[in-house]
Every structure is written in structure tokens, then in C-alpha cells.
Amino acid sequence: MSDAPQPPNVNRNVLRELVAGLSDGIILLDPEGAISWANSAALQMHRISALEELGSDAAGYRQAFTLRYRNNHLLEEGQYPIERLLNGETVDEVTVEISPAADLDLIWVHTVRSLIIADAGARPDVLALIIRDETPLFEAEERFERAFNANPAPGLICRLDDLRFIRVNQGFVEMTDYAKEDVIGKTVDEIGLFANCDTGEDALSKLVEGRLIRQREALIPLQGGGDRLVIVAGEPIAVGEEPCMLFTFADLDARRKAQNALRQSEERFSKSFRLSPAPAAISRLDDFVFTEVNDAFVQLSGYGIEEVIGKTASELRLWDDIAARRVMEKKLTDNAPLRDEALRMKQKDGSLADCLVSAERVEINDQQCVIWSLQDVTERRRSEAELIEAIESVMTDTSWFSRSIVDRLATLRQVSNGKGTTAQLLDLSEREREVLALICRGQSDAEMSETLHLSRNTIRNHVASLYAKIGVNRRSAVVIWARERGFTGMSASAKVRK
């Protein structure tokens, strides 16, 4: 007698009780093909409540349920798992979509395999279909597919066993101009996903190992040539139980173009600033420390670049008028631009330069700054002064000039001096008109004192008042002013004689 342990003698009823509580669905068939029993899990997976609703045999099952492969092809007669089992075939993990024959829009997914239980004579005693409900998994995958395809962010899915792409969404197509068929089936190397990436070798190593690929910048080749700057990251996922890598992208090309445009703009500004013939400087707004000056500024001030950069105008004692400098800085702090402010620059050698100063606030590299623009008007002011002196020398004797030339000279002198007046004859008092008439006749202060019977001091006061009112400071200018307004002084002179 053998000492080997003998299997327990389990009858069919005990077997049914054993499998009744399993989570997998179990359908038992007898060798003649009749469906003899099913556990509650199998009934729930078919969305029914009674065994009879499965059908009494394989033909009844076909009438009650329509089966399709995952590619939506219908299973033909003889291809149903229950029929293959009855024909003696082994059913090994077949995934099918099932719908009630009466409602083909209702779909669930089963993965089915077979099991044959033999009797003591090694003859098939019980045929079993073991069913696993994959509906939640495939519904989740369908939701993922819809979300992946609808996501505007570019995305790719790569199979890990051969590194070939199996999914591509519209976002990637629009970003690269590739057609989907140009990507599906291609390898990572063929697309050049990490060909232009500083950390491309590290990314490919992690891809082969199926590990997380953290964000990194890369240049993705475009279908029509060129490339696009992106941030790419990879996340390991399973698609249809296959290990895959999901690549997502953030398009940085707009940022790259903006950066290139900014760099080119900065280069143009730098060249324009440096080569400008007008003296210019840049200082910080908060402390007015110079950060950059051009060659024209260096030439005007006499200071070297290294002597100016890092210093303020106050430290350099750049401006002759300290109060005016403080007023300028206060205006700029209050965001008021400067336009042609007259200031004198103290040059390094101690000489002075007359300047017209303009300045305005700007933002450079996220910092508030001031751009200063100077105009050296020293020679112009000297020439104007010399011209005025020449005009005044000539106008001391105007007898040999025509009236039009004298008038133009007087106008030029007033413009050069920055002076002018809007006073008219009616604005003068009676005494001032009398003084004006006597000046036009060429009388001196002593002669006017005798004519008007006034002291010389009084006469000088009236002359000074007249000068101030009409905006001149010499007798020749008084005569010109009177002639311009048609005043001859005859009526006033007659009144004085009386």
C-alpha cells in the first residue's frame, strides 16, 4: 500500500460551494455542452440575476450575448470562448467586449480562460470558464485615451519594450507639424526626442529602465526643418497592461523667440547707446549711481569710465549747481521726465561746460533706472554772446542802417538773449511815454532832467522803469522798440514843450 498522500474525494456539490464565493466568475458546463451552474460573480458580470438568462447551452449563450474583439470585430460562430472550450481548445486569457443581444450600446469587457476538470479515468468531467471583469480597467483606459487626445498640451506614449511610439495627441501634431502616422511606430531615436538635450543620455537611460524622467529642456526637430524649444518629462504608465512611458511637453518656443527678440533689442540699444555722438549715461533710480556711460560722456566730462561707474553725480561733483541737481533728482523720483534743463557740468580739469540735460525713467533688467542725455551747448552759448555783443556795438550808431536791418538785428538780439516783451504803448504811464519820446529824440539824462524839470535821479528811475516794462536794457533798444510800434514821439514832445 502506497504511503503517498491521496487527494480528497470532493464531489460536485462541494466544488460548487468552494467556488461560489470567488470574485472571478465561474461558469460550469457538462461534457454534453449544457450550462449546468454559474456562481453569483459570473451572473453579476453578465448583468443578470438567474442562470437561465445565460442560455441553456452554447447556442443559447450566443443568442443572449453578442461578443466582439477589442478591435470591434464580431466573433464568428465557433469563436466564442464557450464554443472553443466545448471543441476541446484551451482558452487562454481572451479579452472580449460583451453586449446583451437586445442592447448593443451596453458594453462590458471580460477576460476569459478555460479549465478542464477530469474524473478518475482522466476523462473531462467538468468544463469551466473563468471570467475576470475588466470593465472598470478599460473604462479608465478609455477615459485616459479621451483625456490624452483632448489635452491641448502635447503628448506622446512610448512602448518600453521596443521604444516605439504607440500614441500621439493633437497637441504634439500641432506643435511639430508631424502627421500622426509619421510618429506612430517610430522609435525615440528616429524622432530625435533627446538628440538636442544637454541631459539626453540621462533621459534615455531612465527611459530604458522605465524610470521617471524629470523635466528638462530639449530641442524637438520639426517636420519641415528647424526645431522647437520645449520642456519634456516622462511618466511610466501601463497601456493595455503593456509598460509604457507617457511624455508630456511644455512649449517654450514663444519664450525663446521673446528672449531672442529681447537680446537683439538689448544689443541694438547697447550699440546705439555706446556709439551715440550725444553724451549719455545710465544710473540707478534709487541711489543715482552711474551704471553705464558712453564714449561721448567720457569725452565731455574728462573722467574715465572706471572713474564714473559706481559713483553718483554728487560724489563726482559733476554739476555746478547743487540745488538744481537735487531738484532734477527729485523730479525723476516723482516720475517726472526732464527736458532740456540748463546746467553747467564741472569737468575733471575744473573747467565748466554748458549743458542741456534730459532724463527719463526706464526699466532695465527688472530694475528702475534713469537714462541721461546731455547736449553740450558751450560753444553755442559763447557764439551767441559774441553775436549779441557785436549787435550791440553796431547798434550804438544806427544812422547808416536801414530800418529793416535794425529791426532784424534787434529781434535777433532779443531771441538770443531769451528775452522778449508783450508790453504795448498803452501799458506805459504818461511820464514813461514822455521819457520814451525824449530818448527817441536822443536826449541824455541831463537834458531830460532840464526839459522835464526833474532831478537826474528821478529821470534815471523813470528810465529804469521803462527798460523793465518793455524788456530792454539799452537806449538803442528803446528806440527800436518805439519804431516797431510806430511811436515817433512827436505828440509827446509837443506836449513837453508846452
Protein backbone atom coordinates (compact mmCIF):
# COMPACT_ATOMS: atom_id res chain seq x y z
CA MET A 1 0.00 0.00 0.00
CA SER A 2 1.36 3.39 -1.02
CA ASP A 3 2.20 5.97 1.66
CA ALA A 4 1.75 8.92 -0.75
CA PRO A 5 -0.98 11.37 0.31
CA GLN A 6 -4.21 10.83 -1.56
CA PRO A 7 -6.29 13.77 -2.89
CA PRO A 8 -9.51 14.33 -1.04
CA ASN A 9 -12.67 12.96 -2.59
CA VAL A 10 -14.59 16.17 -3.39
CA ASN A 11 -17.94 15.78 -5.05
CA ARG A 12 -19.51 18.32 -7.42
CA ASN A 13 -21.66 19.95 -4.74
CA VAL A 14 -18.66 20.62 -2.53
CA LEU A 15 -16.82 22.05 -5.56
CA ARG A 16 -19.69 24.41 -6.28
CA GLU A 17 -19.76 25.64 -2.72
CA LEU A 18 -15.99 26.21 -2.89
CA VAL A 19 -16.09 28.40 -5.98
CA ALA A 20 -19.35 30.17 -5.18
CA GLY A 21 -17.56 32.78 -3.09
CA LEU A 22 -14.76 33.50 -5.58
CA SER A 23 -14.52 37.00 -7.05
CA ASP A 24 -13.83 35.58 -10.52
CA GLY A 25 -16.87 34.46 -12.47
CA ILE A 26 -17.17 30.68 -12.90
CA ILE A 27 -19.41 29.00 -15.48
CA LEU A 28 -19.53 25.19 -15.43
CA LEU A 29 -20.54 23.07 -18.40
CA ASP A 30 -21.06 19.33 -18.58
CA PRO A 31 -19.34 17.35 -21.34
CA GLU A 32 -22.57 17.34 -23.36
CA GLY A 33 -22.42 21.19 -23.59
CA ALA A 34 -25.17 22.20 -21.19
CA ILE A 35 -24.53 25.15 -18.84
CA SER A 36 -25.00 23.45 -15.53
CA TRP A 37 -24.02 26.10 -13.00
CA ALA A 38 -22.58 29.62 -12.51
CA ASN A 39 -21.56 31.46 -9.40
CA SER A 40 -23.05 34.80 -8.44
CA ALA A 41 -19.96 36.69 -9.68
CA ALA A 42 -20.49 35.30 -13.19
CA LEU A 43 -24.15 36.33 -13.14
CA GLN A 44 -23.26 39.85 -11.98
CA MET A 45 -20.61 40.13 -14.71
CA HIS A 46 -23.31 39.39 -17.28
CA ARG A 47 -25.74 41.84 -15.60
CA ILE A 48 -28.30 39.07 -14.98
CA SER A 49 -29.84 37.51 -11.88
CA ALA A 50 -30.69 33.92 -12.91
CA LEU A 51 -28.74 31.07 -14.51
CA GLU A 52 -31.41 30.63 -17.21
CA GLU A 53 -30.55 34.04 -18.63
CA LEU A 54 -27.13 32.74 -19.70
CA GLY A 55 -28.87 30.30 -22.05
CA SER A 56 -29.07 26.59 -21.58
CA ASP A 57 -26.05 25.84 -23.78
CA ALA A 58 -23.53 27.46 -26.16
CA ALA A 59 -26.18 28.20 -28.77
CA GLY A 60 -28.41 29.83 -26.17
CA TYR A 61 -25.45 31.87 -24.89
CA ARG A 62 -24.79 33.13 -28.45
CA GLN A 63 -28.42 34.18 -28.80
CA ALA A 64 -28.34 36.04 -25.46
CA PHE A 65 -25.00 37.85 -25.87
CA THR A 66 -23.01 39.44 -28.70
CA LEU A 67 -19.22 39.27 -28.39
CA ARG A 68 -16.64 41.47 -30.15
CA TYR A 69 -12.90 41.63 -30.08
CA ARG A 70 -11.30 44.85 -28.81
CA ASN A 71 -10.81 45.94 -32.42
CA ASN A 72 -14.62 45.91 -32.74
CA HIS A 73 -14.72 42.78 -34.96
CA LEU A 74 -17.58 40.40 -34.18
CA LEU A 75 -16.75 36.89 -33.01
CA GLU A 76 -18.00 34.45 -35.64
CA GLU A 77 -19.70 31.16 -34.90
CA GLY A 78 -17.27 28.77 -33.25
CA GLN A 79 -15.09 31.64 -31.92
CA TYR A 80 -16.97 32.19 -28.67
CA PRO A 81 -14.87 31.01 -25.70
CA ILE A 82 -17.66 28.66 -24.61
CA GLU A 83 -17.71 27.07 -28.11
CA ARG A 84 -13.93 26.74 -28.22
CA LEU A 85 -13.99 25.05 -24.80
CA LEU A 86 -16.58 22.53 -25.96
CA ASN A 87 -14.47 21.86 -29.09
CA GLY A 88 -11.55 20.87 -26.86
CA GLU A 89 -9.48 24.04 -27.30
CA THR A 90 -7.67 25.74 -24.47
CA VAL A 91 -8.85 29.29 -23.94
CA ASP A 92 -6.03 31.39 -22.54
CA GLU A 93 -6.74 34.98 -21.43
CA VAL A 94 -9.02 36.08 -24.28
CA THR A 95 -10.33 39.64 -23.85
CA VAL A 96 -13.68 40.36 -25.45
CA GLU A 97 -16.39 43.03 -25.34
CA ILE A 98 -19.83 41.71 -24.43
CA SER A 99 -23.23 43.24 -25.06
CA PRO A 100 -26.71 41.91 -24.45
CA ALA A 101 -28.20 40.95 -27.80
CA ALA A 102 -31.13 43.23 -27.06
CA ASP A 103 -28.94 46.32 -26.29
CA LEU A 104 -25.70 46.54 -28.24
CA ASP A 105 -24.93 50.01 -26.82
CA LEU A 106 -24.42 48.42 -23.38
CA ILE A 107 -20.85 47.10 -23.33
CA TRP A 108 -18.60 45.50 -20.74
CA VAL A 109 -15.24 43.79 -21.03
CA HIS A 110 -14.32 40.23 -19.93
CA THR A 111 -11.05 38.36 -19.94
CA VAL A 112 -11.82 34.63 -20.21
CA ARG A 113 -9.77 31.46 -19.73
CA SER A 114 -10.75 27.80 -19.55
CA LEU A 115 -10.25 24.98 -17.05
CA ILE A 116 -10.98 21.30 -17.57
CA ILE A 117 -11.57 19.07 -14.52
CA ALA A 118 -11.11 15.36 -15.29
CA ASP A 119 -12.60 12.39 -13.45
CA ALA A 120 -10.67 9.45 -12.06
CA GLY A 121 -10.41 7.99 -15.53
CA ALA A 122 -8.82 11.17 -16.90
CA ARG A 123 -11.97 11.95 -18.84
CA PRO A 124 -13.35 15.51 -18.81
CA ASP A 125 -15.88 15.64 -16.04
CA VAL A 126 -16.41 19.39 -15.67
CA LEU A 127 -15.64 22.19 -18.15
CA ALA A 128 -15.18 25.60 -16.60
CA LEU A 129 -14.92 29.14 -17.94
CA ILE A 130 -13.16 31.50 -15.54
CA ILE A 131 -14.08 35.13 -16.18
CA ARG A 132 -12.46 38.32 -14.95
CA ASP A 133 -14.42 41.55 -15.32
CA GLU A 134 -12.06 44.13 -16.90
CA THR A 135 -14.76 46.74 -17.50
CA PRO A 136 -13.55 49.28 -14.87
CA LEU A 137 -9.99 48.96 -16.17
CA PHE A 138 -10.95 49.51 -19.80
CA GLU A 139 -13.34 52.32 -18.88
CA ALA A 140 -10.45 54.00 -17.08
CA GLU A 141 -8.25 53.45 -20.15
CA GLU A 142 -10.93 54.92 -22.39
CA ARG A 143 -11.19 57.95 -20.14
CA PHE A 144 -7.42 58.27 -20.26
CA GLU A 145 -7.45 57.98 -24.08
CA ARG A 146 -10.11 60.68 -24.37
CA ALA A 147 -8.28 62.94 -21.96
CA PHE A 148 -4.93 62.28 -23.69
CA ASN A 149 -6.33 63.07 -27.13
CA ALA A 150 -8.28 66.12 -25.98
CA ASN A 151 -5.45 67.59 -23.91
CA PRO A 152 -4.06 70.72 -25.66
CA ALA A 153 -0.68 70.03 -24.07
CA PRO A 154 1.47 67.97 -26.47
CA GLY A 155 1.84 64.31 -25.51
CA LEU A 156 3.38 61.04 -26.71
CA ILE A 157 3.22 57.47 -25.39
CA CYS A 158 6.18 55.17 -25.98
CA ARG A 159 6.18 51.39 -25.51
CA LEU A 160 9.11 50.37 -23.32
CA ASP A 161 9.96 47.00 -24.82
CA ASP A 162 10.93 48.47 -28.22
CA LEU A 163 10.87 52.24 -27.51
CA ARG A 164 8.31 52.84 -30.26
CA PHE A 165 5.55 55.39 -30.04
CA ILE A 166 2.03 53.99 -29.87
CA ARG A 167 0.03 57.18 -29.12
CA VAL A 168 0.33 60.80 -30.21
CA ASN A 169 -2.18 63.55 -29.45
CA GLN A 170 -3.27 66.57 -31.45
CA GLY A 171 -1.23 68.93 -29.31
CA PHE A 172 2.02 67.28 -30.43
CA VAL A 173 0.86 67.25 -34.05
CA GLU A 174 0.15 70.99 -33.95
CA MET A 175 3.43 71.78 -32.17
CA THR A 176 5.69 69.85 -34.57
CA ASP A 177 3.62 69.70 -37.82
CA TYR A 178 4.07 65.92 -37.84
CA ALA A 179 1.13 63.81 -39.00
CA LYS A 180 0.14 61.09 -36.54
CA GLU A 181 1.20 58.37 -38.97
CA ASP A 182 4.64 59.99 -39.14
CA VAL A 183 5.08 59.33 -35.41
CA ILE A 184 3.23 56.09 -34.63
CA GLY A 185 5.65 53.18 -34.91
CA LYS A 186 8.77 55.36 -34.92
CA THR A 187 11.38 54.98 -32.21
CA VAL A 188 12.56 57.66 -29.81
CA ASP A 189 15.86 57.90 -31.69
CA GLU A 190 14.12 58.21 -35.07
CA ILE A 191 12.08 61.17 -33.85
CA GLY A 192 15.17 62.63 -32.13
CA LEU A 193 13.35 63.26 -28.89
CA PHE A 194 16.53 63.76 -26.84
CA ALA A 195 19.01 64.36 -29.67
CA ASN A 196 19.37 68.05 -28.76
CA CYS A 197 19.18 67.86 -24.99
CA ASP A 198 22.04 68.53 -22.60
CA THR A 199 20.86 65.68 -20.39
CA GLY A 200 19.71 63.43 -23.24
CA GLU A 201 21.87 60.45 -22.25
CA ASP A 202 20.47 60.51 -18.73
CA ALA A 203 16.91 60.68 -20.09
CA LEU A 204 17.48 57.73 -22.45
CA SER A 205 19.00 55.71 -19.63
CA LYS A 206 15.97 56.31 -17.44
CA LEU A 207 13.67 55.50 -20.36
CA VAL A 208 15.29 52.10 -20.93
CA GLU A 209 14.97 51.36 -17.20
CA GLY A 210 11.33 52.53 -17.17
CA ARG A 211 12.06 55.18 -14.54
CA LEU A 212 10.61 58.64 -14.06
CA ILE A 213 12.18 61.26 -16.36
CA ARG A 214 12.06 64.64 -14.67
CA GLN A 215 11.52 67.91 -16.52
CA ARG A 216 14.33 69.06 -18.77
CA GLU A 217 14.75 71.39 -21.75
CA ALA A 218 15.17 69.90 -25.22
CA LEU A 219 15.00 70.95 -28.86
CA ILE A 220 12.41 68.88 -30.74
CA PRO A 221 13.06 68.54 -34.51
CA LEU A 222 10.19 69.81 -36.65
CA GLN A 223 8.75 68.08 -39.68
CA GLY A 224 9.57 70.98 -42.00
CA GLY A 225 13.06 71.55 -40.59
CA GLY A 226 14.27 73.58 -37.65
CA ASP A 227 13.46 72.81 -34.05
CA ARG A 228 11.29 73.89 -31.15
CA LEU A 229 12.33 74.55 -27.56
CA VAL A 230 10.28 72.51 -25.06
CA ILE A 231 10.28 71.19 -21.53
CA VAL A 232 9.77 67.41 -21.66
CA ALA A 233 9.03 64.97 -18.85
CA GLY A 234 8.32 61.23 -18.81
CA GLU A 235 5.99 59.26 -16.53
CA PRO A 236 5.88 55.41 -16.52
CA ILE A 237 2.36 54.10 -17.18
CA ALA A 238 0.69 50.89 -18.36
CA VAL A 239 -1.40 50.87 -21.54
CA GLY A 240 -3.32 47.66 -22.11
CA GLU A 241 -1.08 46.02 -19.49
CA GLU A 242 1.99 46.98 -21.54
CA PRO A 243 4.66 49.03 -19.73
CA CYS A 244 4.91 52.42 -21.46
CA MET A 245 6.24 55.94 -20.94
CA LEU A 246 4.00 58.99 -21.19
CA PHE A 247 5.87 62.05 -22.45
CA THR A 248 4.36 65.48 -21.87
CA PHE A 249 5.68 68.75 -23.28
CA ALA A 250 5.52 72.45 -22.48
CA ASP A 251 6.18 74.64 -25.49
CA LEU A 252 8.87 77.23 -24.70
CA ASP A 253 9.40 78.41 -28.26
CA ALA A 254 7.44 81.62 -27.71
CA ARG A 255 9.65 82.33 -24.72
CA ARG A 256 12.77 81.59 -26.79
CA LYS A 257 11.61 83.98 -29.52
CA ALA A 258 10.83 86.63 -26.93
CA GLN A 259 14.25 86.13 -25.35
CA ASN A 260 15.94 86.36 -28.75
CA ALA A 261 13.98 89.50 -29.59
CA LEU A 262 14.88 90.97 -26.20
CA ARG A 263 18.53 90.08 -26.66
CA GLN A 264 18.58 91.63 -30.13
CA SER A 265 16.81 94.71 -28.81
CA GLU A 266 19.32 95.00 -25.98
CA GLU A 267 22.18 94.63 -28.45
CA ARG A 268 20.73 97.36 -30.66
CA PHE A 269 20.21 99.62 -27.65
CA SER A 270 23.71 98.93 -26.36
CA LYS A 271 25.31 99.71 -29.72
CA SER A 272 23.16 102.81 -30.20
CA PHE A 273 23.93 103.98 -26.67
CA ARG A 274 27.66 103.35 -26.94
CA LEU A 275 28.11 104.87 -30.42
CA SER A 276 25.80 107.86 -29.96
CA PRO A 277 27.60 111.19 -30.53
CA ALA A 278 25.49 112.74 -27.78
CA PRO A 279 26.81 112.24 -24.23
CA ALA A 280 24.63 109.73 -22.38
CA ALA A 281 24.65 107.82 -19.11
CA ILE A 282 22.53 105.32 -17.17
CA SER A 283 22.09 105.40 -13.41
CA ARG A 284 20.01 103.52 -10.89
CA LEU A 285 16.91 105.38 -9.77
CA ASP A 286 17.10 104.55 -6.09
CA ASP A 287 20.57 105.99 -5.44
CA PHE A 288 21.51 107.62 -8.81
CA VAL A 289 24.73 105.59 -9.03
CA PHE A 290 26.01 105.50 -12.61
CA THR A 291 25.99 102.01 -14.13
CA GLU A 292 26.97 102.85 -17.71
CA VAL A 293 28.27 105.83 -19.71
CA ASN A 294 29.13 106.17 -23.39
CA ASP A 295 32.30 107.45 -25.03
CA ALA A 296 30.81 110.90 -25.69
CA PHE A 297 30.08 111.33 -21.97
CA VAL A 298 33.65 110.34 -21.11
CA GLN A 299 34.99 112.82 -23.65
CA LEU A 300 32.80 115.67 -22.34
CA SER A 301 33.39 115.08 -18.63
CA GLY A 302 37.05 114.19 -18.88
CA TYR A 303 36.54 111.23 -16.49
CA GLY A 304 37.40 107.67 -17.45
CA ILE A 305 34.65 105.04 -17.50
CA GLU A 306 36.07 103.33 -14.42
CA GLU A 307 36.02 106.68 -12.59
CA VAL A 308 32.30 107.21 -13.28
CA ILE A 309 30.80 103.71 -12.95
CA GLY A 310 29.75 103.08 -9.36
CA LYS A 311 29.76 106.78 -8.45
CA THR A 312 26.97 109.36 -8.16
CA ALA A 313 26.91 112.83 -9.70
CA SER A 314 27.17 114.16 -6.15
CA GLU A 315 30.32 112.16 -5.45
CA LEU A 316 31.87 113.35 -8.71
CA ARG A 317 30.65 116.92 -8.10
CA LEU A 318 29.53 116.77 -11.68
CA TRP A 319 27.11 119.71 -11.65
CA ASP A 320 27.99 123.27 -10.72
CA ASP A 321 24.56 123.99 -9.23
CA ILE A 322 23.95 121.53 -6.37
CA ALA A 323 20.42 122.79 -5.71
CA ALA A 324 19.47 122.32 -9.38
CA ARG A 325 20.86 118.76 -9.29
CA ARG A 326 18.72 117.90 -6.27
CA VAL A 327 15.64 119.35 -7.99
CA MET A 328 16.33 117.15 -11.04
CA GLU A 329 16.71 114.03 -8.94
CA LYS A 330 13.50 114.85 -7.04
CA LYS A 331 11.58 115.20 -10.32
CA LEU A 332 12.84 111.85 -11.54
CA THR A 333 11.96 110.18 -8.24
CA ASP A 334 8.43 111.58 -8.70
CA ASN A 335 8.38 110.11 -12.24
CA ALA A 336 8.53 113.50 -13.96
CA PRO A 337 10.80 113.47 -17.04
CA LEU A 338 13.39 116.20 -17.62
CA ARG A 339 13.59 118.14 -20.87
CA ASP A 340 16.48 120.44 -21.78
CA GLU A 341 17.31 121.56 -18.26
CA ALA A 342 20.17 124.09 -18.38
CA LEU A 343 23.07 123.04 -16.13
CA ARG A 344 26.79 123.54 -16.01
CA MET A 345 29.00 120.46 -15.81
CA LYS A 346 32.20 120.59 -13.81
CA GLN A 347 34.72 118.76 -15.93
CA LYS A 348 37.59 116.79 -14.44
CA ASP A 349 40.12 119.54 -15.25
CA GLY A 350 37.98 122.13 -13.42
CA SER A 351 36.55 123.87 -16.48
CA LEU A 352 32.80 124.30 -16.98
CA ALA A 353 30.61 123.08 -19.84
CA ASP A 354 27.12 124.46 -20.51
CA CYS A 355 24.72 121.53 -20.99
CA LEU A 356 21.07 120.93 -21.74
CA VAL A 357 20.09 117.87 -19.69
CA SER A 358 17.21 115.49 -20.48
CA ALA A 359 16.42 112.37 -18.45
CA GLU A 360 13.68 109.79 -18.09
CA ARG A 361 12.96 106.71 -16.01
CA VAL A 362 13.21 103.27 -17.68
CA GLU A 363 13.20 99.66 -16.52
CA ILE A 364 16.35 97.69 -17.37
CA ASN A 365 16.66 94.06 -16.30
CA ASP A 366 13.76 94.47 -13.85
CA GLN A 367 15.44 97.45 -12.19
CA GLN A 368 14.26 101.06 -12.25
CA CYS A 369 16.93 103.22 -13.90
CA VAL A 370 17.41 106.67 -15.38
CA ILE A 371 18.74 107.40 -18.86
CA TRP A 372 20.55 110.73 -19.06
CA SER A 373 21.06 112.56 -22.35
CA LEU A 374 23.27 115.67 -22.49
CA GLN A 375 23.77 118.33 -25.12
CA ASP A 376 26.96 120.38 -24.92
CA VAL A 377 25.97 123.97 -25.79
CA THR A 378 29.11 125.68 -24.52
CA GLU A 379 30.28 126.84 -27.96
CA ARG A 380 26.78 127.86 -28.97
CA ARG A 381 26.38 130.00 -25.87
CA ARG A 382 29.78 131.57 -26.46
CA SER A 383 28.88 132.32 -30.08
CA GLU A 384 25.52 133.80 -29.06
CA ALA A 385 27.22 136.04 -26.50
CA GLU A 386 29.72 137.22 -29.09
CA LEU A 387 26.91 137.86 -31.59
CA ILE A 388 24.91 139.89 -29.07
CA GLU A 389 27.99 141.95 -28.21
CA ALA A 390 28.60 142.61 -31.90
CA ILE A 391 24.98 143.62 -32.48
CA GLU A 392 25.01 145.99 -29.56
CA SER A 393 28.27 147.53 -30.74
CA VAL A 394 26.85 148.12 -34.19
CA MET A 395 23.53 149.47 -32.87
CA THR A 396 25.26 152.26 -30.92
CA ASP A 397 25.24 154.10 -34.24
CA THR A 398 22.31 153.11 -36.43
CA SER A 399 22.26 156.17 -38.63
CA TRP A 400 23.67 154.36 -41.64
CA PHE A 401 21.42 151.25 -41.28
CA SER A 402 18.05 150.91 -42.90
CA ARG A 403 15.13 150.47 -40.51
CA SER A 404 14.51 146.85 -41.62
CA ILE A 405 18.08 145.82 -40.82
CA VAL A 406 17.96 147.50 -37.42
CA ASP A 407 14.66 145.82 -36.62
CA ARG A 408 16.03 142.41 -37.56
CA LEU A 409 19.16 142.92 -35.51
CA ALA A 410 17.07 143.92 -32.52
CA THR A 411 14.85 140.87 -32.92
CA LEU A 412 17.87 138.58 -33.24
CA ARG A 413 19.39 140.06 -30.10
CA GLN A 414 16.19 139.58 -28.11
CA VAL A 415 15.83 135.98 -29.27
CA SER A 416 19.48 135.21 -28.48
CA ASN A 417 19.09 136.68 -25.01
CA GLY A 418 15.92 134.70 -24.47
CA LYS A 419 14.15 137.98 -23.76
CA GLY A 420 11.03 139.50 -25.14
CA THR A 421 8.05 141.50 -24.04
CA THR A 422 4.41 141.80 -24.78
CA ALA A 423 4.18 145.38 -23.42
CA GLN A 424 2.43 147.99 -25.62
CA LEU A 425 2.35 151.78 -25.67
CA LEU A 426 -0.95 151.79 -23.78
CA ASP A 427 0.77 149.93 -20.94
CA LEU A 428 3.12 152.90 -20.35
CA SER A 429 2.31 155.70 -17.97
CA GLU A 430 2.15 159.28 -19.25
CA ARG A 431 5.55 160.10 -17.72
CA GLU A 432 7.06 156.95 -19.24
CA ARG A 433 5.79 157.97 -22.68
CA GLU A 434 7.37 161.42 -22.19
CA VAL A 435 10.69 159.81 -21.27
CA LEU A 436 10.35 157.46 -24.27
CA ALA A 437 9.80 160.43 -26.60
CA LEU A 438 12.87 162.26 -25.30
CA ILE A 439 15.02 159.13 -25.66
CA CYS A 440 13.85 158.80 -29.25
CA ARG A 441 14.99 162.44 -29.78
CA GLY A 442 18.42 161.42 -28.45
CA GLN A 443 18.41 163.42 -25.21
CA SER A 444 20.71 162.46 -22.38
CA ASP A 445 19.62 162.08 -18.74
CA ALA A 446 20.81 165.65 -18.02
CA GLU A 447 18.89 167.05 -20.98
CA MET A 448 15.74 165.17 -19.98
CA SER A 449 16.14 166.48 -16.42
CA GLU A 450 16.19 170.04 -17.70
CA THR A 451 13.34 169.51 -20.16
CA LEU A 452 11.05 167.82 -17.64
CA HIS A 453 12.21 169.88 -14.65
CA LEU A 454 13.02 166.70 -12.69
CA SER A 455 16.15 165.64 -10.82
CA ARG A 456 18.60 163.30 -12.51
CA ASN A 457 17.87 160.53 -10.00
CA THR A 458 14.16 160.76 -10.84
CA ILE A 459 14.98 160.65 -14.56
CA ARG A 460 17.16 157.54 -14.03
CA ASN A 461 14.33 155.85 -12.08
CA HIS A 462 11.86 156.54 -14.91
CA VAL A 463 14.35 155.18 -17.48
CA ALA A 464 14.91 152.01 -15.41
CA SER A 465 11.15 151.50 -15.05
CA LEU A 466 10.73 151.92 -18.81
CA TYR A 467 13.53 149.42 -19.51
CA ALA A 468 11.95 146.82 -17.20
CA LYS A 469 8.47 147.28 -18.62
CA ILE A 470 9.43 146.87 -22.30
CA GLY A 471 12.21 144.29 -21.66
CA VAL A 472 15.34 146.09 -22.85
CA ASN A 473 18.49 147.40 -21.18
CA ARG A 474 19.92 149.97 -23.64
CA ARG A 475 18.70 153.22 -25.20
CA SER A 476 19.23 151.94 -28.72
CA ALA A 477 16.85 149.07 -27.96
CA VAL A 478 14.30 151.57 -26.62
CA VAL A 479 14.40 153.46 -29.93
CA ILE A 480 13.95 150.25 -31.92
CA TRP A 481 11.06 149.16 -29.68
CA ALA A 482 9.31 152.51 -30.24
CA ARG A 483 9.86 152.38 -34.02
CA GLU A 484 8.46 148.86 -34.21
CA ARG A 485 5.23 150.22 -32.75
CA GLY A 486 5.08 153.35 -34.88
CA PHE A 487 5.88 155.70 -31.99
CA THR A 488 7.76 158.77 -33.20
CA GLY A 489 7.45 160.77 -30.00
CA MET A 490 6.26 163.92 -31.83
CA SER A 491 2.98 164.34 -29.95
CA ALA A 492 4.61 163.64 -26.61
CA SER A 493 7.44 166.05 -27.46
CA ALA A 494 4.95 168.79 -28.33
CA LYS A 495 3.22 168.25 -25.03
CA VAL A 496 6.54 168.51 -23.20
CA ARG A 497 7.41 171.83 -24.94
CA LYS A 498 4.10 173.25 -23.83
